[in-house]
Every structure is written in C-alpha cells, then in structure tokens.
Amino acid sequence: MNSKEAIDERYLLGQLADGDLAAFRLLYDNYHNKVFFYILRFTGSRQLAEDILQEVFIKVWVGRDKMKDIRSFDAWLFTLAKYKIINGFKRLSLEHTVIAEIAGNMEEPVDATTQVVDYNEIKRALQTAIEQLPPQQKIVYRLRREQGLKNDEIASKLNISPLTVKKHIAQASQAIRILLAKQTSIPVSLLVIFLKIF
C-alpha cells in the first residue's frame, strides 16, 4: 500500500468511526474478495467462507467507533478473519458433538437427516427461550453470543458496569437452560454443550 492509499484508508477509518456507511462500503468493496479467498483457502467451503466473511464485516461495523485507533486495517482485518475461522471450526466441532449426543441418547438408530432436524428443533427452541428473557438480559445475551462482544464492550455500549453484564449473562444462561429443559427432552449435560455453540 503506498502512502496515498494509507492516508485514504486512515481517512475512511475515521469516517467509519463516525458511522459513515459510505466509508464502510468502500472498505468492504476494497477488502471483501481478498478476505473471502483467504477464508476459503482454510475452510474449503464457499458457504462457510461467506458466513465467516459476513461475521468479519459485522464485527467491523459493530466496532466502528474503535477504527480510528487501528494502524494497519489490513493486518487487523486478516487477524480478525483468522480468529473467526478458528471459531467457525470450533462451532462446527461442537455442532457435530451435539448431533452425536442427540443420536447417542436415542433408543433407536436414526439417519443423518433426522439428526439435523432434531438439531434444528433445538435451535428453534433456543431462539424461543431467548425471546422470553427480560429485555435487558436479552440484549446483553445477544450482544455476547451473537455478536461476540466482550463484557467490557457490552458495558460500554449499554452504559452499564461489566459486573452487571456478567450478572445478566449468568442469569440469561440459567433461564435459557431451564426453558430449554422444559421445551425439549434432552439432558442438561447436552444443553450445556449446545449453549456453548450460541
């Protein structure tokens, strides 16, 4: 990257930090192909690469207020992509563990399609349980589990203390486990594994 491009990128990052959607779009257009093929090289799956790419740029937008502090957006972006790839593989591994546990807890053998249907039913039950949480717990839980924000980031975003965030996450997780146990017939040990995915 030459000095003019570096200056332009710093300008775009400053604009992005101020919430400029056009600056975000320019950065996305400049990087999305490179990041996509970087992810694809590791995953070997276009669908997984597209999912991870989306997560990467969601993280860019959600954390836009910190973009002024980034010295090398290129290096930062590819490091973020690397961590998202690792998390993606962990998530797939946990999903396979959940499906294997479901199959292991059934009295009769079931085919792969049935296992996936059961897994999807649990996912739907989880979303229903999340919707039943008190409003603040729901917001905190989603910021943590769906957007991957850290406790201090959530605290800053919601103008509450990190201790309050930790308390909300613990209460939400417990409430979700109870609600899932009522809505499904799977054991608590399996629910704990499942909740690690989300």
N, C-alpha and C. Protein backbone atom coordinates (compact mmCIF):
# COMPACT_ATOMS: atom_id res chain seq x y z
N MET A 1 0.85 -1.19 0.00
CA MET A 1 0.00 0.00 0.00
C MET A 1 0.89 1.24 0.00
N ASN A 2 0.68 2.17 -0.95
CA ASN A 2 1.50 3.38 -0.98
C ASN A 2 0.97 4.40 0.03
N SER A 3 1.74 5.50 0.20
CA SER A 3 1.38 6.46 1.26
C SER A 3 0.03 7.11 1.02
N LYS A 4 -0.33 7.36 -0.27
CA LYS A 4 -1.64 7.97 -0.56
C LYS A 4 -2.77 7.03 -0.15
N GLU A 5 -2.60 5.72 -0.48
CA GLU A 5 -3.63 4.75 -0.10
C GLU A 5 -3.74 4.66 1.42
N ALA A 6 -2.58 4.72 2.11
CA ALA A 6 -2.59 4.67 3.58
C ALA A 6 -3.34 5.86 4.15
N ILE A 7 -3.10 7.04 3.58
CA ILE A 7 -3.80 8.25 4.03
C ILE A 7 -5.30 8.13 3.76
N ASP A 8 -5.64 7.65 2.56
CA ASP A 8 -7.05 7.48 2.22
C ASP A 8 -7.73 6.49 3.16
N GLU A 9 -7.00 5.39 3.47
CA GLU A 9 -7.57 4.38 4.36
C GLU A 9 -7.76 4.94 5.77
N ARG A 10 -6.78 5.69 6.25
CA ARG A 10 -6.92 6.31 7.57
C ARG A 10 -8.12 7.26 7.60
N TYR A 11 -8.30 7.98 6.49
CA TYR A 11 -9.45 8.89 6.39
C TYR A 11 -10.75 8.08 6.44
N LEU A 12 -10.80 6.97 5.66
CA LEU A 12 -12.01 6.14 5.64
C LEU A 12 -12.29 5.54 7.02
N LEU A 13 -11.23 5.11 7.71
CA LEU A 13 -11.42 4.55 9.05
C LEU A 13 -11.96 5.61 10.02
N GLY A 14 -11.48 6.83 9.86
CA GLY A 14 -12.01 7.94 10.67
C GLY A 14 -13.47 8.19 10.38
N GLN A 15 -13.82 8.15 9.08
CA GLN A 15 -15.22 8.34 8.69
C GLN A 15 -16.09 7.20 9.22
N LEU A 16 -15.55 5.97 9.10
CA LEU A 16 -16.27 4.80 9.59
C LEU A 16 -16.52 4.92 11.09
N ALA A 17 -15.51 5.37 11.83
CA ALA A 17 -15.63 5.54 13.29
C ALA A 17 -16.76 6.51 13.63
N ASP A 18 -17.04 7.44 12.71
CA ASP A 18 -18.13 8.40 12.92
C ASP A 18 -19.47 7.87 12.39
N GLY A 19 -19.46 6.62 11.94
CA GLY A 19 -20.72 5.99 11.50
C GLY A 19 -21.05 6.19 10.03
N ASP A 20 -20.06 6.55 9.22
CA ASP A 20 -20.30 6.80 7.79
C ASP A 20 -20.44 5.47 7.04
N LEU A 21 -21.66 5.19 6.58
CA LEU A 21 -21.94 3.94 5.87
C LEU A 21 -21.21 3.87 4.53
N ALA A 22 -21.03 5.00 3.87
CA ALA A 22 -20.32 5.02 2.58
C ALA A 22 -18.86 4.62 2.77
N ALA A 23 -18.23 5.05 3.86
CA ALA A 23 -16.85 4.67 4.15
C ALA A 23 -16.76 3.17 4.41
N PHE A 24 -17.75 2.64 5.14
CA PHE A 24 -17.80 1.20 5.38
C PHE A 24 -17.90 0.44 4.06
N ARG A 25 -18.74 0.94 3.18
CA ARG A 25 -18.95 0.28 1.88
C ARG A 25 -17.66 0.27 1.06
N LEU A 26 -16.94 1.39 1.07
CA LEU A 26 -15.67 1.47 0.33
C LEU A 26 -14.64 0.48 0.89
N LEU A 27 -14.56 0.40 2.21
CA LEU A 27 -13.63 -0.55 2.82
C LEU A 27 -14.06 -1.99 2.51
N TYR A 28 -15.34 -2.24 2.56
CA TYR A 28 -15.86 -3.57 2.23
C TYR A 28 -15.52 -3.93 0.79
N ASP A 29 -15.80 -3.01 -0.12
CA ASP A 29 -15.52 -3.26 -1.55
C ASP A 29 -14.04 -3.53 -1.79
N ASN A 30 -13.19 -2.83 -1.04
CA ASN A 30 -11.75 -2.96 -1.23
C ASN A 30 -11.22 -4.29 -0.69
N TYR A 31 -11.84 -4.81 0.36
CA TYR A 31 -11.27 -5.97 1.05
C TYR A 31 -12.05 -7.27 0.94
N HIS A 32 -13.33 -7.21 0.59
CA HIS A 32 -14.12 -8.43 0.76
C HIS A 32 -13.63 -9.61 -0.08
N ASN A 33 -13.16 -9.38 -1.32
CA ASN A 33 -12.67 -10.50 -2.13
C ASN A 33 -11.42 -11.12 -1.53
N LYS A 34 -10.48 -10.27 -1.09
CA LYS A 34 -9.23 -10.78 -0.51
C LYS A 34 -9.51 -11.58 0.75
N VAL A 35 -10.38 -11.05 1.59
CA VAL A 35 -10.69 -11.75 2.84
C VAL A 35 -11.45 -13.04 2.55
N PHE A 36 -12.39 -13.00 1.60
CA PHE A 36 -13.16 -14.19 1.24
C PHE A 36 -12.24 -15.32 0.80
N PHE A 37 -11.30 -15.03 -0.11
CA PHE A 37 -10.43 -16.09 -0.62
C PHE A 37 -9.42 -16.56 0.43
N TYR A 38 -9.05 -15.68 1.34
CA TYR A 38 -8.21 -16.07 2.47
C TYR A 38 -8.96 -17.09 3.33
N ILE A 39 -10.22 -16.80 3.64
CA ILE A 39 -11.03 -17.71 4.45
C ILE A 39 -11.27 -19.02 3.70
N LEU A 40 -11.59 -18.91 2.42
CA LEU A 40 -11.87 -20.10 1.60
C LEU A 40 -10.68 -21.04 1.56
N ARG A 41 -9.48 -20.48 1.52
CA ARG A 41 -8.26 -21.30 1.48
C ARG A 41 -8.19 -22.21 2.70
N PHE A 42 -8.65 -21.74 3.84
CA PHE A 42 -8.59 -22.53 5.07
C PHE A 42 -9.80 -23.45 5.23
N THR A 43 -10.97 -22.97 4.84
CA THR A 43 -12.19 -23.74 5.10
C THR A 43 -12.51 -24.73 3.99
N GLY A 44 -12.19 -24.38 2.75
CA GLY A 44 -12.54 -25.24 1.62
C GLY A 44 -14.03 -25.25 1.32
N SER A 45 -14.77 -24.38 1.96
CA SER A 45 -16.23 -24.33 1.78
C SER A 45 -16.65 -22.90 1.47
N ARG A 46 -17.27 -22.72 0.30
CA ARG A 46 -17.71 -21.38 -0.07
C ARG A 46 -18.78 -20.86 0.89
N GLN A 47 -19.69 -21.75 1.30
CA GLN A 47 -20.76 -21.34 2.21
C GLN A 47 -20.20 -20.90 3.56
N LEU A 48 -19.27 -21.70 4.10
CA LEU A 48 -18.67 -21.34 5.38
C LEU A 48 -17.85 -20.06 5.24
N ALA A 49 -17.14 -19.93 4.12
CA ALA A 49 -16.34 -18.72 3.88
C ALA A 49 -17.24 -17.48 3.81
N GLU A 50 -18.39 -17.60 3.15
CA GLU A 50 -19.32 -16.48 3.07
C GLU A 50 -19.88 -16.12 4.45
N ASP A 51 -20.19 -17.14 5.24
CA ASP A 51 -20.71 -16.90 6.60
C ASP A 51 -19.68 -16.19 7.47
N ILE A 52 -18.43 -16.67 7.40
CA ILE A 52 -17.37 -16.06 8.22
C ILE A 52 -17.07 -14.65 7.73
N LEU A 53 -17.07 -14.46 6.41
CA LEU A 53 -16.85 -13.12 5.85
C LEU A 53 -17.89 -12.14 6.38
N GLN A 54 -19.14 -12.58 6.42
CA GLN A 54 -20.21 -11.73 6.94
C GLN A 54 -19.96 -11.40 8.41
N GLU A 55 -19.54 -12.40 9.20
CA GLU A 55 -19.24 -12.15 10.61
C GLU A 55 -18.12 -11.14 10.78
N VAL A 56 -17.09 -11.24 9.92
CA VAL A 56 -15.95 -10.32 9.98
C VAL A 56 -16.41 -8.88 9.79
N PHE A 57 -17.22 -8.66 8.75
CA PHE A 57 -17.62 -7.28 8.45
C PHE A 57 -18.72 -6.77 9.39
N ILE A 58 -19.49 -7.67 9.98
CA ILE A 58 -20.41 -7.26 11.04
C ILE A 58 -19.61 -6.75 12.23
N LYS A 59 -18.53 -7.47 12.55
CA LYS A 59 -17.65 -7.05 13.65
C LYS A 59 -17.02 -5.68 13.36
N VAL A 60 -16.64 -5.45 12.09
CA VAL A 60 -16.08 -4.15 11.70
C VAL A 60 -17.11 -3.06 11.97
N TRP A 61 -18.34 -3.29 11.54
CA TRP A 61 -19.37 -2.26 11.70
C TRP A 61 -19.73 -2.04 13.17
N VAL A 62 -19.90 -3.15 13.91
CA VAL A 62 -20.26 -3.05 15.32
C VAL A 62 -19.16 -2.33 16.12
N GLY A 63 -17.89 -2.60 15.76
CA GLY A 63 -16.78 -1.98 16.48
C GLY A 63 -16.22 -0.75 15.79
N ARG A 64 -17.04 -0.11 14.97
CA ARG A 64 -16.56 1.01 14.14
C ARG A 64 -16.00 2.18 14.95
N ASP A 65 -16.51 2.38 16.16
CA ASP A 65 -16.06 3.52 16.95
C ASP A 65 -14.59 3.40 17.37
N LYS A 66 -14.02 2.18 17.26
CA LYS A 66 -12.61 1.98 17.62
C LYS A 66 -11.69 2.01 16.40
N MET A 67 -12.23 2.24 15.22
CA MET A 67 -11.44 2.14 14.00
C MET A 67 -10.37 3.22 13.86
N LYS A 68 -10.56 4.35 14.51
CA LYS A 68 -9.55 5.42 14.42
C LYS A 68 -8.22 4.99 15.02
N ASP A 69 -8.27 4.03 15.95
CA ASP A 69 -7.06 3.59 16.66
C ASP A 69 -6.28 2.52 15.90
N ILE A 70 -6.83 1.99 14.82
CA ILE A 70 -6.18 0.90 14.09
C ILE A 70 -5.13 1.47 13.14
N ARG A 71 -3.88 0.99 13.30
CA ARG A 71 -2.78 1.50 12.46
C ARG A 71 -2.75 0.79 11.11
N SER A 72 -2.99 -0.52 11.11
CA SER A 72 -2.98 -1.28 9.85
C SER A 72 -4.29 -2.06 9.76
N PHE A 73 -5.24 -1.50 9.03
CA PHE A 73 -6.55 -2.14 8.88
C PHE A 73 -6.39 -3.50 8.22
N ASP A 74 -5.50 -3.59 7.23
CA ASP A 74 -5.25 -4.83 6.52
C ASP A 74 -4.87 -5.94 7.50
N ALA A 75 -3.85 -5.69 8.33
CA ALA A 75 -3.38 -6.68 9.30
C ALA A 75 -4.47 -7.00 10.32
N TRP A 76 -5.16 -5.97 10.80
CA TRP A 76 -6.23 -6.15 11.78
C TRP A 76 -7.35 -7.02 11.21
N LEU A 77 -7.73 -6.74 9.97
CA LEU A 77 -8.83 -7.45 9.32
C LEU A 77 -8.50 -8.93 9.13
N PHE A 78 -7.28 -9.22 8.68
CA PHE A 78 -6.91 -10.62 8.46
C PHE A 78 -6.71 -11.37 9.77
N THR A 79 -6.28 -10.67 10.82
CA THR A 79 -6.20 -11.30 12.14
C THR A 79 -7.60 -11.64 12.63
N LEU A 80 -8.54 -10.71 12.45
CA LEU A 80 -9.93 -10.95 12.83
C LEU A 80 -10.48 -12.15 12.05
N ALA A 81 -10.20 -12.19 10.75
CA ALA A 81 -10.66 -13.31 9.91
C ALA A 81 -10.10 -14.63 10.42
N LYS A 82 -8.83 -14.63 10.81
CA LYS A 82 -8.20 -15.86 11.32
C LYS A 82 -8.93 -16.35 12.57
N TYR A 83 -9.23 -15.44 13.49
CA TYR A 83 -9.94 -15.84 14.71
C TYR A 83 -11.36 -16.32 14.41
N LYS A 84 -12.00 -15.68 13.44
CA LYS A 84 -13.35 -16.12 13.05
C LYS A 84 -13.31 -17.50 12.41
N ILE A 85 -12.24 -17.80 11.66
CA ILE A 85 -12.08 -19.14 11.07
C ILE A 85 -11.94 -20.17 12.18
N ILE A 86 -11.08 -19.88 13.15
CA ILE A 86 -10.88 -20.80 14.29
C ILE A 86 -12.19 -21.01 15.03
N ASN A 87 -12.92 -19.92 15.30
CA ASN A 87 -14.21 -20.03 15.99
C ASN A 87 -15.22 -20.81 15.16
N GLY A 88 -15.15 -20.62 13.83
CA GLY A 88 -16.05 -21.36 12.94
C GLY A 88 -15.81 -22.86 13.03
N PHE A 89 -14.54 -23.26 13.06
CA PHE A 89 -14.22 -24.69 13.19
C PHE A 89 -14.64 -25.23 14.56
N LYS A 90 -14.42 -24.43 15.60
CA LYS A 90 -14.86 -24.85 16.95
C LYS A 90 -16.36 -25.05 16.97
N ARG A 91 -17.06 -24.10 16.34
CA ARG A 91 -18.53 -24.18 16.31
C ARG A 91 -19.00 -25.42 15.57
N LEU A 92 -18.37 -25.72 14.43
CA LEU A 92 -18.73 -26.92 13.67
C LEU A 92 -18.46 -28.18 14.49
N SER A 93 -17.33 -28.17 15.20
CA SER A 93 -16.98 -29.32 16.03
C SER A 93 -18.02 -29.51 17.13
N LEU A 94 -18.44 -28.41 17.76
CA LEU A 94 -19.46 -28.50 18.80
C LEU A 94 -20.81 -28.94 18.24
N GLU A 95 -21.12 -28.46 17.02
CA GLU A 95 -22.38 -28.88 16.39
C GLU A 95 -22.37 -30.39 16.16
N HIS A 96 -21.24 -30.92 15.69
CA HIS A 96 -21.14 -32.37 15.47
C HIS A 96 -21.25 -33.13 16.80
N THR A 97 -20.68 -32.56 17.87
CA THR A 97 -20.78 -33.17 19.20
C THR A 97 -22.24 -33.22 19.64
N VAL A 98 -22.96 -32.11 19.43
CA VAL A 98 -24.38 -32.06 19.80
C VAL A 98 -25.17 -33.11 19.03
N ILE A 99 -24.94 -33.18 17.72
CA ILE A 99 -25.67 -34.16 16.90
C ILE A 99 -25.33 -35.58 17.34
N ALA A 100 -24.06 -35.85 17.64
CA ALA A 100 -23.65 -37.18 18.11
C ALA A 100 -24.30 -37.51 19.45
N GLU A 101 -24.38 -36.50 20.35
CA GLU A 101 -25.02 -36.70 21.65
C GLU A 101 -26.51 -36.99 21.49
N ILE A 102 -27.15 -36.26 20.59
CA ILE A 102 -28.58 -36.49 20.35
C ILE A 102 -28.79 -37.92 19.86
N ALA A 103 -27.97 -38.32 18.89
CA ALA A 103 -28.08 -39.68 18.34
C ALA A 103 -27.80 -40.72 19.43
N GLY A 104 -26.83 -40.45 20.30
CA GLY A 104 -26.46 -41.39 21.36
C GLY A 104 -27.52 -41.54 22.43
N ASN A 105 -28.36 -40.52 22.57
CA ASN A 105 -29.41 -40.55 23.60
C ASN A 105 -30.73 -41.12 23.08
N MET A 106 -30.74 -41.52 21.82
CA MET A 106 -31.96 -42.09 21.26
C MET A 106 -31.90 -43.62 21.35
N GLU A 107 -33.04 -44.23 21.59
CA GLU A 107 -33.08 -45.69 21.75
C GLU A 107 -32.88 -46.40 20.42
N GLU A 108 -33.40 -45.82 19.33
CA GLU A 108 -33.28 -46.45 18.03
C GLU A 108 -32.34 -45.64 17.16
N PRO A 109 -31.59 -46.31 16.25
CA PRO A 109 -30.71 -45.57 15.35
C PRO A 109 -31.53 -44.63 14.46
N VAL A 110 -30.96 -43.48 14.15
CA VAL A 110 -31.64 -42.54 13.27
C VAL A 110 -30.68 -42.12 12.16
N ASP A 111 -31.25 -41.71 11.04
CA ASP A 111 -30.38 -41.28 9.94
C ASP A 111 -29.94 -39.83 10.14
N ALA A 112 -28.99 -39.40 9.31
CA ALA A 112 -28.40 -38.06 9.43
C ALA A 112 -29.45 -36.96 9.28
N THR A 113 -30.43 -37.18 8.41
CA THR A 113 -31.46 -36.17 8.19
C THR A 113 -32.27 -35.94 9.46
N THR A 114 -32.63 -37.00 10.14
CA THR A 114 -33.38 -36.88 11.39
C THR A 114 -32.55 -36.16 12.45
N GLN A 115 -31.23 -36.48 12.51
CA GLN A 115 -30.36 -35.81 13.47
C GLN A 115 -30.34 -34.32 13.23
N VAL A 116 -30.25 -33.90 11.97
CA VAL A 116 -30.20 -32.48 11.64
C VAL A 116 -31.53 -31.82 11.98
N VAL A 117 -32.65 -32.53 11.72
CA VAL A 117 -33.96 -31.98 12.06
C VAL A 117 -34.05 -31.76 13.56
N ASP A 118 -33.60 -32.75 14.36
CA ASP A 118 -33.63 -32.61 15.82
C ASP A 118 -32.76 -31.44 16.26
N TYR A 119 -31.59 -31.32 15.67
CA TYR A 119 -30.68 -30.22 16.00
C TYR A 119 -31.35 -28.88 15.68
N ASN A 120 -32.00 -28.79 14.53
CA ASN A 120 -32.68 -27.55 14.14
C ASN A 120 -33.85 -27.24 15.08
N GLU A 121 -34.52 -28.28 15.56
CA GLU A 121 -35.60 -28.07 16.53
C GLU A 121 -35.06 -27.46 17.81
N ILE A 122 -33.89 -27.92 18.25
CA ILE A 122 -33.27 -27.36 19.45
C ILE A 122 -32.89 -25.91 19.21
N LYS A 123 -32.36 -25.61 18.02
CA LYS A 123 -32.01 -24.22 17.70
C LYS A 123 -33.24 -23.32 17.77
N ARG A 124 -34.37 -23.82 17.24
CA ARG A 124 -35.61 -23.03 17.29
C ARG A 124 -36.07 -22.84 18.74
N ALA A 125 -35.95 -23.89 19.53
CA ALA A 125 -36.33 -23.80 20.94
C ALA A 125 -35.45 -22.78 21.66
N LEU A 126 -34.17 -22.74 21.30
CA LEU A 126 -33.26 -21.77 21.90
C LEU A 126 -33.69 -20.35 21.56
N GLN A 127 -34.03 -20.09 20.31
CA GLN A 127 -34.47 -18.75 19.91
C GLN A 127 -35.74 -18.35 20.65
N THR A 128 -36.65 -19.32 20.84
CA THR A 128 -37.88 -19.05 21.60
C THR A 128 -37.54 -18.70 23.05
N ALA A 129 -36.59 -19.44 23.62
CA ALA A 129 -36.18 -19.18 25.01
C ALA A 129 -35.55 -17.79 25.14
N ILE A 130 -34.71 -17.42 24.17
CA ILE A 130 -34.07 -16.09 24.20
C ILE A 130 -35.13 -15.00 24.15
N GLU A 131 -36.15 -15.19 23.32
CA GLU A 131 -37.22 -14.19 23.20
C GLU A 131 -37.99 -14.00 24.50
N GLN A 132 -37.98 -15.01 25.37
CA GLN A 132 -38.72 -14.92 26.64
C GLN A 132 -37.92 -14.25 27.76
N LEU A 133 -36.65 -13.94 27.50
CA LEU A 133 -35.83 -13.28 28.52
C LEU A 133 -36.31 -11.85 28.76
N PRO A 134 -36.05 -11.31 29.95
CA PRO A 134 -36.32 -9.88 30.18
C PRO A 134 -35.52 -9.05 29.17
N PRO A 135 -36.03 -7.88 28.79
CA PRO A 135 -35.41 -7.08 27.71
C PRO A 135 -33.90 -6.85 27.86
N GLN A 136 -33.45 -6.42 29.03
CA GLN A 136 -32.02 -6.12 29.21
C GLN A 136 -31.17 -7.38 29.11
N GLN A 137 -31.65 -8.47 29.70
CA GLN A 137 -30.93 -9.75 29.61
C GLN A 137 -30.83 -10.21 28.17
N LYS A 138 -31.93 -10.05 27.43
CA LYS A 138 -31.95 -10.47 26.03
C LYS A 138 -30.92 -9.69 25.21
N ILE A 139 -30.86 -8.38 25.41
CA ILE A 139 -29.92 -7.53 24.67
C ILE A 139 -28.49 -7.95 25.00
N VAL A 140 -28.19 -8.09 26.29
CA VAL A 140 -26.83 -8.45 26.72
C VAL A 140 -26.46 -9.82 26.18
N TYR A 141 -27.36 -10.79 26.29
CA TYR A 141 -27.09 -12.15 25.83
C TYR A 141 -26.79 -12.17 24.33
N ARG A 142 -27.59 -11.44 23.56
CA ARG A 142 -27.39 -11.42 22.11
C ARG A 142 -26.09 -10.72 21.72
N LEU A 143 -25.77 -9.63 22.40
CA LEU A 143 -24.51 -8.94 22.11
C LEU A 143 -23.32 -9.86 22.38
N ARG A 144 -23.45 -10.66 23.44
CA ARG A 144 -22.36 -11.57 23.81
C ARG A 144 -22.29 -12.78 22.89
N ARG A 145 -23.42 -13.46 22.73
CA ARG A 145 -23.43 -14.73 22.00
C ARG A 145 -23.50 -14.57 20.48
N GLU A 146 -24.28 -13.61 20.00
CA GLU A 146 -24.49 -13.49 18.56
C GLU A 146 -23.49 -12.54 17.91
N GLN A 147 -23.07 -11.50 18.64
CA GLN A 147 -22.12 -10.55 18.06
C GLN A 147 -20.71 -10.74 18.59
N GLY A 148 -20.55 -11.57 19.62
CA GLY A 148 -19.23 -11.90 20.12
C GLY A 148 -18.54 -10.77 20.87
N LEU A 149 -19.31 -9.80 21.38
CA LEU A 149 -18.69 -8.70 22.12
C LEU A 149 -18.23 -9.18 23.49
N LYS A 150 -17.16 -8.57 23.98
CA LYS A 150 -16.67 -8.87 25.32
C LYS A 150 -17.50 -8.09 26.34
N ASN A 151 -17.40 -8.53 27.60
CA ASN A 151 -18.20 -7.91 28.65
C ASN A 151 -17.98 -6.41 28.75
N ASP A 152 -16.69 -5.98 28.66
CA ASP A 152 -16.44 -4.54 28.77
C ASP A 152 -16.96 -3.76 27.58
N GLU A 153 -16.96 -4.41 26.40
CA GLU A 153 -17.53 -3.76 25.20
C GLU A 153 -19.04 -3.59 25.35
N ILE A 154 -19.69 -4.63 25.87
CA ILE A 154 -21.15 -4.57 26.09
C ILE A 154 -21.46 -3.49 27.13
N ALA A 155 -20.66 -3.47 28.20
CA ALA A 155 -20.87 -2.49 29.27
C ALA A 155 -20.77 -1.07 28.73
N SER A 156 -19.76 -0.83 27.89
CA SER A 156 -19.56 0.49 27.30
C SER A 156 -20.72 0.84 26.37
N LYS A 157 -21.13 -0.13 25.57
CA LYS A 157 -22.21 0.09 24.59
C LYS A 157 -23.54 0.41 25.27
N LEU A 158 -23.81 -0.27 26.40
CA LEU A 158 -25.10 -0.12 27.08
C LEU A 158 -25.04 0.83 28.28
N ASN A 159 -23.84 1.34 28.54
CA ASN A 159 -23.64 2.27 29.65
C ASN A 159 -24.01 1.64 31.00
N ILE A 160 -23.54 0.38 31.18
CA ILE A 160 -23.72 -0.32 32.45
C ILE A 160 -22.36 -0.87 32.87
N SER A 161 -22.25 -1.39 34.08
CA SER A 161 -20.97 -1.90 34.55
C SER A 161 -20.70 -3.30 33.99
N PRO A 162 -19.42 -3.67 33.83
CA PRO A 162 -19.08 -5.03 33.40
C PRO A 162 -19.63 -6.10 34.34
N LEU A 163 -19.70 -5.78 35.62
CA LEU A 163 -20.26 -6.72 36.61
C LEU A 163 -21.74 -6.97 36.34
N THR A 164 -22.45 -5.92 35.96
CA THR A 164 -23.88 -6.06 35.62
C THR A 164 -24.03 -6.92 34.36
N VAL A 165 -23.13 -6.71 33.40
CA VAL A 165 -23.15 -7.53 32.17
C VAL A 165 -22.96 -9.00 32.53
N LYS A 166 -21.94 -9.27 33.36
CA LYS A 166 -21.65 -10.65 33.77
C LYS A 166 -22.86 -11.28 34.45
N LYS A 167 -23.53 -10.50 35.32
CA LYS A 167 -24.71 -10.99 36.04
C LYS A 167 -25.85 -11.30 35.06
N HIS A 168 -26.07 -10.39 34.08
CA HIS A 168 -27.13 -10.62 33.09
C HIS A 168 -26.86 -11.88 32.27
N ILE A 169 -25.61 -12.10 31.88
CA ILE A 169 -25.27 -13.28 31.07
C ILE A 169 -25.50 -14.55 31.88
N ALA A 170 -25.07 -14.55 33.14
CA ALA A 170 -25.27 -15.73 34.01
C ALA A 170 -26.76 -16.02 34.20
N GLN A 171 -27.54 -14.96 34.47
CA GLN A 171 -28.98 -15.14 34.68
C GLN A 171 -29.68 -15.60 33.39
N ALA A 172 -29.27 -15.01 32.27
CA ALA A 172 -29.87 -15.38 30.98
C ALA A 172 -29.56 -16.83 30.65
N SER A 173 -28.29 -17.24 30.85
CA SER A 173 -27.89 -18.62 30.55
C SER A 173 -28.68 -19.61 31.41
N GLN A 174 -28.84 -19.29 32.69
CA GLN A 174 -29.60 -20.17 33.57
C GLN A 174 -31.07 -20.24 33.16
N ALA A 175 -31.66 -19.09 32.84
CA ALA A 175 -33.06 -19.07 32.42
C ALA A 175 -33.25 -19.85 31.12
N ILE A 176 -32.30 -19.71 30.20
CA ILE A 176 -32.40 -20.43 28.92
C ILE A 176 -32.31 -21.94 29.15
N ARG A 177 -31.38 -22.36 30.01
CA ARG A 177 -31.25 -23.80 30.31
C ARG A 177 -32.57 -24.35 30.87
N ILE A 178 -33.18 -23.60 31.79
CA ILE A 178 -34.45 -24.04 32.40
C ILE A 178 -35.55 -24.12 31.35
N LEU A 179 -35.65 -23.06 30.52
CA LEU A 179 -36.68 -23.04 29.48
C LEU A 179 -36.48 -24.16 28.46
N LEU A 180 -35.22 -24.39 28.06
CA LEU A 180 -34.95 -25.46 27.10
C LEU A 180 -35.25 -26.83 27.69
N ALA A 181 -34.92 -27.01 28.96
CA ALA A 181 -35.21 -28.29 29.62
C ALA A 181 -36.71 -28.56 29.64
N LYS A 182 -37.52 -27.49 29.78
CA LYS A 182 -38.99 -27.65 29.76
C LYS A 182 -39.51 -27.92 28.36
N GLN A 183 -38.89 -27.29 27.35
CA GLN A 183 -39.39 -27.36 25.98
C GLN A 183 -38.88 -28.58 25.21
N THR A 184 -37.76 -29.16 25.65
CA THR A 184 -37.18 -30.29 24.94
C THR A 184 -36.96 -31.43 25.91
N SER A 185 -36.64 -32.60 25.36
CA SER A 185 -36.43 -33.77 26.22
C SER A 185 -34.94 -34.12 26.33
N ILE A 186 -34.07 -33.20 25.96
CA ILE A 186 -32.65 -33.52 26.01
C ILE A 186 -32.08 -33.26 27.39
N PRO A 187 -31.04 -34.03 27.80
CA PRO A 187 -30.48 -33.89 29.14
C PRO A 187 -29.74 -32.56 29.32
N VAL A 188 -29.62 -32.13 30.59
CA VAL A 188 -28.97 -30.86 30.91
C VAL A 188 -27.53 -30.84 30.42
N SER A 189 -26.81 -31.98 30.52
CA SER A 189 -25.41 -32.03 30.08
C SER A 189 -25.30 -31.69 28.59
N LEU A 190 -26.27 -32.13 27.81
CA LEU A 190 -26.28 -31.82 26.39
C LEU A 190 -26.63 -30.36 26.15
N LEU A 191 -27.53 -29.82 26.97
CA LEU A 191 -27.88 -28.40 26.84
C LEU A 191 -26.66 -27.51 27.06
N VAL A 192 -25.81 -27.89 28.03
CA VAL A 192 -24.60 -27.12 28.31
C VAL A 192 -23.69 -27.11 27.09
N ILE A 193 -23.52 -28.25 26.45
CA ILE A 193 -22.71 -28.32 25.21
C ILE A 193 -23.34 -27.46 24.14
N PHE A 194 -24.65 -27.57 23.99
CA PHE A 194 -25.35 -26.83 22.94
C PHE A 194 -25.22 -25.32 23.14
N LEU A 195 -25.32 -24.87 24.38
CA LEU A 195 -25.26 -23.43 24.66
C LEU A 195 -23.88 -22.85 24.41
N LYS A 196 -22.85 -23.69 24.37
CA LYS A 196 -21.51 -23.21 24.04
C LYS A 196 -21.43 -22.78 22.57
N ILE A 197 -22.29 -23.35 21.74
CA ILE A 197 -22.30 -23.00 20.32
C ILE A 197 -22.87 -21.62 20.12
N PHE A 198 -23.85 -21.24 20.94
CA PHE A 198 -24.56 -19.97 20.72
C PHE A 198 -24.29 -19.00 21.83
